[in-house]
Structure formats: structure tokens, C-alpha cells
Amino acid sequence: MSSFTFVSVADATLLGASLFPGKVLDGTWLARCEDLKREVDRLSLLSAQDALLLLRVDFSFFSF
């Protein structure tokens, strides 16, 4: 048991997703928004159809 790391309830995550509202959830949202900003900038380099397909696939992973 000594190898386990104590994590407070406010900082708990499961597979990278915050379990409770708070600073961890805020940090997760900020990181995701930064990822999407970077994706939008890169999508402008692709054709419209390819960019739309990539966005559709990307959002489908996070719509659960």
C-alpha cells in the first residue's frame, strides 16, 4: 500500500477526465480548448472537405 499515491477528491481523474467540478475540470477544459485552437489553425491548410471530415471524427470521440 505504500506505493499508492494519495489524491484528493477534488483532483481525482479517470482516464484523463475530471470526476468532479473544480480546478482539475477547469484545467482539462483549458487544455482541450488549446488543442482545438491549434487544430483549427492547422485545418486551414487542408481542403474544406478533408477539414470537415477530421473535425467530425474529432468531435465524435468527445460526444459521449
PDB file of N, CA and C in Angstrom:
ATOM      1  N   MET A   1       0.811  -1.205   0.000  1.00  0.00           N
ATOM      2  CA  MET A   1       0.000   0.000   0.000  1.00  0.00           C
ATOM      3  C   MET A   1       0.848   1.260   0.000  1.00  0.00           C
ATOM      4  N   SER A   2       2.100   1.150   0.363  1.00  0.00           N
ATOM      5  CA  SER A   2       2.941   2.341   0.427  1.00  0.00           C
ATOM      6  C   SER A   2       3.255   2.889  -0.966  1.00  0.00           C
ATOM      7  N   SER A   3       3.062   2.089  -2.009  1.00  0.00           N
ATOM      8  CA  SER A   3       3.347   2.565  -3.361  1.00  0.00           C
ATOM      9  C   SER A   3       2.201   3.383  -3.954  1.00  0.00           C
ATOM     10  N   PHE A   4       1.041   3.406  -3.301  1.00  0.00           N
ATOM     11  CA  PHE A   4      -0.100   4.176  -3.783  1.00  0.00           C
ATOM     12  C   PHE A   4       0.116   5.657  -3.502  1.00  0.00           C
ATOM     13  N   THR A   5      -0.348   6.494  -4.415  1.00  0.00           N
ATOM     14  CA  THR A   5      -0.256   7.933  -4.255  1.00  0.00           C
ATOM     15  C   THR A   5      -1.608   8.464  -3.813  1.00  0.00           C
ATOM     16  N   PHE A   6      -1.623   9.272  -2.756  1.00  0.00           N
ATOM     17  CA  PHE A   6      -2.862   9.873  -2.282  1.00  0.00           C
ATOM     18  C   PHE A   6      -3.277  11.001  -3.219  1.00  0.00           C
ATOM     19  N   VAL A   7      -4.533  10.995  -3.626  1.00  0.00           N
ATOM     20  CA  VAL A   7      -5.088  12.044  -4.482  1.00  0.00           C
ATOM     21  C   VAL A   7      -6.364  12.537  -3.824  1.00  0.00           C
ATOM     22  N   SER A   8      -6.469  13.836  -3.653  1.00  0.00           N
ATOM     23  CA  SER A   8      -7.689  14.377  -3.051  1.00  0.00           C
ATOM     24  C   SER A   8      -8.859  14.214  -4.025  1.00  0.00           C
ATOM     25  N   VAL A   9     -10.041  14.248  -3.489  1.00  0.00           N
ATOM     26  CA  VAL A   9     -11.245  14.077  -4.312  1.00  0.00           C
ATOM     27  C   VAL A   9     -11.333  15.169  -5.370  1.00  0.00           C
ATOM     28  N   ALA A  10     -10.946  16.372  -5.027  1.00  0.00           N
ATOM     29  CA  ALA A  10     -11.028  17.498  -5.975  1.00  0.00           C
ATOM     30  C   ALA A  10     -10.074  17.316  -7.149  1.00  0.00           C
ATOM     31  N   ASP A  11      -8.997  16.552  -6.955  1.00  0.00           N
ATOM     32  CA  ASP A  11      -8.005  16.357  -8.013  1.00  0.00           C
ATOM     33  C   ASP A  11      -8.154  15.024  -8.731  1.00  0.00           C
ATOM     34  N   ALA A  12      -9.181  14.273  -8.422  1.00  0.00           N
ATOM     35  CA  ALA A  12      -9.346  12.926  -8.979  1.00  0.00           C
ATOM     36  C   ALA A  12      -9.723  12.975 -10.460  1.00  0.00           C
ATOM     37  N   THR A  13      -9.068  12.119 -11.237  1.00  0.00           N
ATOM     38  CA  THR A  13      -9.388  11.966 -12.652  1.00  0.00           C
ATOM     39  C   THR A  13      -9.468  10.481 -12.976  1.00  0.00           C
ATOM     40  N   LEU A  14     -10.172  10.174 -14.029  1.00  0.00           N
ATOM     41  CA  LEU A  14     -10.280   8.804 -14.513  1.00  0.00           C
ATOM     42  C   LEU A  14     -10.044   8.831 -16.015  1.00  0.00           C
ATOM     43  N   LEU A  15      -8.959   8.225 -16.448  1.00  0.00           N
ATOM     44  CA  LEU A  15      -8.582   8.202 -17.863  1.00  0.00           C
ATOM     45  C   LEU A  15      -8.495   9.606 -18.442  1.00  0.00           C
ATOM     46  N   GLY A  16      -7.988  10.541 -17.639  1.00  0.00           N
ATOM     47  CA  GLY A  16      -7.799  11.908 -18.100  1.00  0.00           C
ATOM     48  C   GLY A  16      -9.018  12.800 -17.967  1.00  0.00           C
ATOM     49  N   ALA A  17     -10.134  12.262 -17.511  1.00  0.00           N
ATOM     50  CA  ALA A  17     -11.350  13.058 -17.356  1.00  0.00           C
ATOM     51  C   ALA A  17     -11.572  13.366 -15.880  1.00  0.00           C
ATOM     52  N   SER A  18     -11.888  14.605 -15.594  1.00  0.00           N
ATOM     53  CA  SER A  18     -12.148  15.025 -14.222  1.00  0.00           C
ATOM     54  C   SER A  18     -13.409  14.359 -13.701  1.00  0.00           C
ATOM     55  N   LEU A  19     -13.366  13.924 -12.452  1.00  0.00           N
ATOM     56  CA  LEU A  19     -14.542  13.289 -11.864  1.00  0.00           C
ATOM     57  C   LEU A  19     -15.471  14.284 -11.189  1.00  0.00           C
ATOM     58  N   PHE A  20     -14.936  15.415 -10.767  1.00  0.00           N
ATOM     59  CA  PHE A  20     -15.719  16.412 -10.043  1.00  0.00           C
ATOM     60  C   PHE A  20     -15.377  17.802 -10.546  1.00  0.00           C
ATOM     61  N   PRO A  21     -16.312  18.748 -10.424  1.00  0.00           N
ATOM     62  CA  PRO A  21     -16.010  20.118 -10.833  1.00  0.00           C
ATOM     63  C   PRO A  21     -14.929  20.715  -9.931  1.00  0.00           C
ATOM     64  N   GLY A  22     -14.172  21.618 -10.485  1.00  0.00           N
ATOM     65  CA  GLY A  22     -13.111  22.259  -9.713  1.00  0.00           C
ATOM     66  C   GLY A  22     -11.945  22.597 -10.597  1.00  0.00           C
ATOM     67  N   LYS A  23     -10.767  22.770  -9.976  1.00  0.00           N
ATOM     68  CA  LYS A  23      -9.599  23.218 -10.731  1.00  0.00           C
ATOM     69  C   LYS A  23      -9.142  22.194 -11.757  1.00  0.00           C
ATOM     70  N   VAL A  24      -9.321  20.902 -11.493  1.00  0.00           N
ATOM     71  CA  VAL A  24      -8.914  19.886 -12.468  1.00  0.00           C
ATOM     72  C   VAL A  24      -9.803  19.958 -13.709  1.00  0.00           C
ATOM     73  N   LEU A  25     -11.095  20.132 -13.516  1.00  0.00           N
ATOM     74  CA  LEU A  25     -12.017  20.260 -14.650  1.00  0.00           C
ATOM     75  C   LEU A  25     -11.705  21.512 -15.454  1.00  0.00           C
ATOM     76  N   ASP A  26     -11.427  22.611 -14.763  1.00  0.00           N
ATOM     77  CA  ASP A  26     -11.079  23.852 -15.456  1.00  0.00           C
ATOM     78  C   ASP A  26      -9.806  23.678 -16.280  1.00  0.00           C
ATOM     79  N   GLY A  27      -8.821  23.015 -15.699  1.00  0.00           N
ATOM     80  CA  GLY A  27      -7.566  22.771 -16.411  1.00  0.00           C
ATOM     81  C   GLY A  27      -7.765  21.873 -17.614  1.00  0.00           C
ATOM     82  N   THR A  28      -8.620  20.870 -17.476  1.00  0.00           N
ATOM     83  CA  THR A  28      -8.910  19.958 -18.579  1.00  0.00           C
ATOM     84  C   THR A  28      -9.580  20.709 -19.721  1.00  0.00           C
ATOM     85  N   TRP A  29     -10.554  21.571 -19.397  1.00  0.00           N
ATOM     86  CA  TRP A  29     -11.237  22.353 -20.425  1.00  0.00           C
ATOM     87  C   TRP A  29     -10.278  23.311 -21.124  1.00  0.00           C
ATOM     88  N   LEU A  30      -9.405  23.951 -20.351  1.00  0.00           N
ATOM     89  CA  LEU A  30      -8.440  24.873 -20.965  1.00  0.00           C
ATOM     90  C   LEU A  30      -7.504  24.131 -21.917  1.00  0.00           C
ATOM     91  N   ALA A  31      -7.043  22.968 -21.503  1.00  0.00           N
ATOM     92  CA  ALA A  31      -6.154  22.184 -22.365  1.00  0.00           C
ATOM     93  C   ALA A  31      -6.877  21.757 -23.637  1.00  0.00           C
ATOM     94  N   ARG A  32      -8.124  21.334 -23.512  1.00  0.00           N
ATOM     95  CA  ARG A  32      -8.896  20.908 -24.679  1.00  0.00           C
ATOM     96  C   ARG A  32      -9.162  22.077 -25.626  1.00  0.00           C
ATOM     97  N   CYS A  33      -9.454  23.259 -25.070  1.00  0.00           N
ATOM     98  CA  CYS A  33      -9.676  24.447 -25.908  1.00  0.00           C
ATOM     99  C   CYS A  33      -8.404  24.821 -26.658  1.00  0.00           C
ATOM    100  N   GLU A  34      -7.252  24.698 -26.001  1.00  0.00           N
ATOM    101  CA  GLU A  34      -5.980  24.978 -26.672  1.00  0.00           C
ATOM    102  C   GLU A  34      -5.750  23.976 -27.808  1.00  0.00           C
ATOM    103  N   ASP A  35      -6.079  22.713 -27.572  1.00  0.00           N
ATOM    104  CA  ASP A  35      -5.951  21.701 -28.625  1.00  0.00           C
ATOM    105  C   ASP A  35      -6.824  22.045 -29.823  1.00  0.00           C
ATOM    106  N   LEU A  36      -8.063  22.461 -29.554  1.00  0.00           N
ATOM    107  CA  LEU A  36      -8.980  22.790 -30.649  1.00  0.00           C
ATOM    108  C   LEU A  36      -8.527  24.036 -31.413  1.00  0.00           C
ATOM    109  N   LYS A  37      -7.969  25.021 -30.708  1.00  0.00           N
ATOM    110  CA  LYS A  37      -7.451  26.211 -31.389  1.00  0.00           C
ATOM    111  C   LYS A  37      -6.327  25.827 -32.353  1.00  0.00           C
ATOM    112  N   ARG A  38      -5.444  24.958 -31.888  1.00  0.00           N
ATOM    113  CA  ARG A  38      -4.331  24.512 -32.722  1.00  0.00           C
ATOM    114  C   ARG A  38      -4.859  23.733 -33.931  1.00  0.00           C
ATOM    115  N   GLU A  39      -5.886  22.908 -33.713  1.00  0.00           N
ATOM    116  CA  GLU A  39      -6.467  22.137 -34.817  1.00  0.00           C
ATOM    117  C   GLU A  39      -7.092  23.045 -35.861  1.00  0.00           C
ATOM    118  N   VAL A  40      -7.793  24.069 -35.427  1.00  0.00           N
ATOM    119  CA  VAL A  40      -8.440  24.990 -36.364  1.00  0.00           C
ATOM    120  C   VAL A  40      -7.393  25.682 -37.226  1.00  0.00           C
ATOM    121  N   ASP A  41      -6.300  26.086 -36.611  1.00  0.00           N
ATOM    122  CA  ASP A  41      -5.228  26.721 -37.387  1.00  0.00           C
ATOM    123  C   ASP A  41      -4.667  25.761 -38.433  1.00  0.00           C
ATOM    124  N   ARG A  42      -4.506  24.521 -38.064  1.00  0.00           N
ATOM    125  CA  ARG A  42      -3.946  23.541 -38.991  1.00  0.00           C
ATOM    126  C   ARG A  42      -4.953  23.128 -40.063  1.00  0.00           C
ATOM    127  N   LEU A  43      -6.242  23.141 -39.718  1.00  0.00           N
ATOM    128  CA  LEU A  43      -7.266  22.747 -40.690  1.00  0.00           C
ATOM    129  C   LEU A  43      -7.333  23.710 -41.863  1.00  0.00           C
ATOM    130  N   SER A  44      -6.922  24.940 -41.645  1.00  0.00           N
ATOM    131  CA  SER A  44      -6.962  25.913 -42.742  1.00  0.00           C
ATOM    132  C   SER A  44      -5.980  25.541 -43.856  1.00  0.00           C
ATOM    133  N   LEU A  45      -5.057  24.650 -43.561  1.00  0.00           N
ATOM    134  CA  LEU A  45      -4.096  24.214 -44.569  1.00  0.00           C
ATOM    135  C   LEU A  45      -4.637  23.080 -45.446  1.00  0.00           C
ATOM    136  N   LEU A  46      -5.782  22.530 -45.085  1.00  0.00           N
ATOM    137  CA  LEU A  46      -6.378  21.403 -45.818  1.00  0.00           C
ATOM    138  C   LEU A  46      -7.525  21.877 -46.695  1.00  0.00           C
ATOM    139  N   SER A  47      -7.976  20.987 -47.561  1.00  0.00           N
ATOM    140  CA  SER A  47      -9.186  21.300 -48.334  1.00  0.00           C
ATOM    141  C   SER A  47     -10.380  21.286 -47.379  1.00  0.00           C
ATOM    142  N   ALA A  48     -11.446  21.963 -47.767  1.00  0.00           N
ATOM    143  CA  ALA A  48     -12.617  22.083 -46.901  1.00  0.00           C
ATOM    144  C   ALA A  48     -13.213  20.722 -46.557  1.00  0.00           C
ATOM    145  N   GLN A  49     -13.307  19.842 -47.521  1.00  0.00           N
ATOM    146  CA  GLN A  49     -13.904  18.531 -47.285  1.00  0.00           C
ATOM    147  C   GLN A  49     -13.055  17.701 -46.321  1.00  0.00           C
ATOM    148  N   ASP A  50     -11.748  17.710 -46.488  1.00  0.00           N
ATOM    149  CA  ASP A  50     -10.866  16.977 -45.582  1.00  0.00           C
ATOM    150  C   ASP A  50     -10.931  17.545 -44.168  1.00  0.00           C
ATOM    151  N   ALA A  51     -10.956  18.869 -44.055  1.00  0.00           N
ATOM    152  CA  ALA A  51     -11.029  19.512 -42.747  1.00  0.00           C
ATOM    153  C   ALA A  51     -12.340  19.178 -42.048  1.00  0.00           C
ATOM    154  N   LEU A  52     -13.432  19.182 -42.777  1.00  0.00           N
ATOM    155  CA  LEU A  52     -14.731  18.859 -42.195  1.00  0.00           C
ATOM    156  C   LEU A  52     -14.767  17.416 -41.704  1.00  0.00           C
ATOM    157  N   LEU A  53     -14.215  16.521 -42.463  1.00  0.00           N
ATOM    158  CA  LEU A  53     -14.172  15.118 -42.065  1.00  0.00           C
ATOM    159  C   LEU A  53     -13.359  14.943 -40.784  1.00  0.00           C
ATOM    160  N   LEU A  54     -12.209  15.580 -40.699  1.00  0.00           N
ATOM    161  CA  LEU A  54     -11.379  15.480 -39.500  1.00  0.00           C
ATOM    162  C   LEU A  54     -12.070  16.077 -38.275  1.00  0.00           C
ATOM    163  N   LEU A  55     -12.726  17.214 -38.432  1.00  0.00           N
ATOM    164  CA  LEU A  55     -13.459  17.803 -37.312  1.00  0.00           C
ATOM    165  C   LEU A  55     -14.590  16.896 -36.853  1.00  0.00           C
ATOM    166  N   ARG A  56     -15.291  16.320 -37.799  1.00  0.00           N
ATOM    167  CA  ARG A  56     -16.415  15.429 -37.467  1.00  0.00           C
ATOM    168  C   ARG A  56     -15.923  14.229 -36.662  1.00  0.00           C
ATOM    169  N   VAL A  57     -14.832  13.632 -37.079  1.00  0.00           N
ATOM    170  CA  VAL A  57     -14.273  12.488 -36.373  1.00  0.00           C
ATOM    171  C   VAL A  57     -13.780  12.912 -34.992  1.00  0.00           C
ATOM    172  N   ASP A  58     -13.126  14.060 -34.918  1.00  0.00           N
ATOM    173  CA  ASP A  58     -12.598  14.549 -33.653  1.00  0.00           C
ATOM    174  C   ASP A  58     -13.717  14.781 -32.645  1.00  0.00           C
ATOM    175  N   PHE A  59     -14.790  15.442 -33.057  1.00  0.00           N
ATOM    176  CA  PHE A  59     -15.882  15.718 -32.132  1.00  0.00           C
ATOM    177  C   PHE A  59     -16.673  14.468 -31.771  1.00  0.00           C
ATOM    178  N   SER A  60     -16.669  13.471 -32.622  1.00  0.00           N
ATOM    179  CA  SER A  60     -17.409  12.251 -32.312  1.00  0.00           C
ATOM    180  C   SER A  60     -16.774  11.499 -31.148  1.00  0.00           C
ATOM    181  N   PHE A  61     -15.464  11.643 -30.942  1.00  0.00           N
ATOM    182  CA  PHE A  61     -14.800  10.978 -29.831  1.00  0.00           C
ATOM    183  C   PHE A  61     -15.177  11.604 -28.494  1.00  0.00           C
ATOM    184  N   PHE A  62     -15.579  12.857 -28.496  1.00  0.00           N
ATOM    185  CA  PHE A  62     -15.844  13.554 -27.251  1.00  0.00           C
ATOM    186  C   PHE A  62     -17.323  13.886 -27.066  1.00  0.00           C
ATOM    187  N   SER A  63     -18.184  13.170 -27.727  1.00  0.00           N
ATOM    188  CA  SER A  63     -19.614  13.458 -27.611  1.00  0.00           C
ATOM    189  C   SER A  63     -20.350  12.449 -26.760  1.00  0.00           C
ATOM    190  N   PHE A  64     -19.628  11.721 -25.945  1.00  0.00           N
ATOM    191  CA  PHE A  64     -20.293  10.756 -25.079  1.00  0.00           C
ATOM    192  C   PHE A  64     -20.651  11.448 -23.847  1.00  0.00           C
TER     193      PHE A  64
END
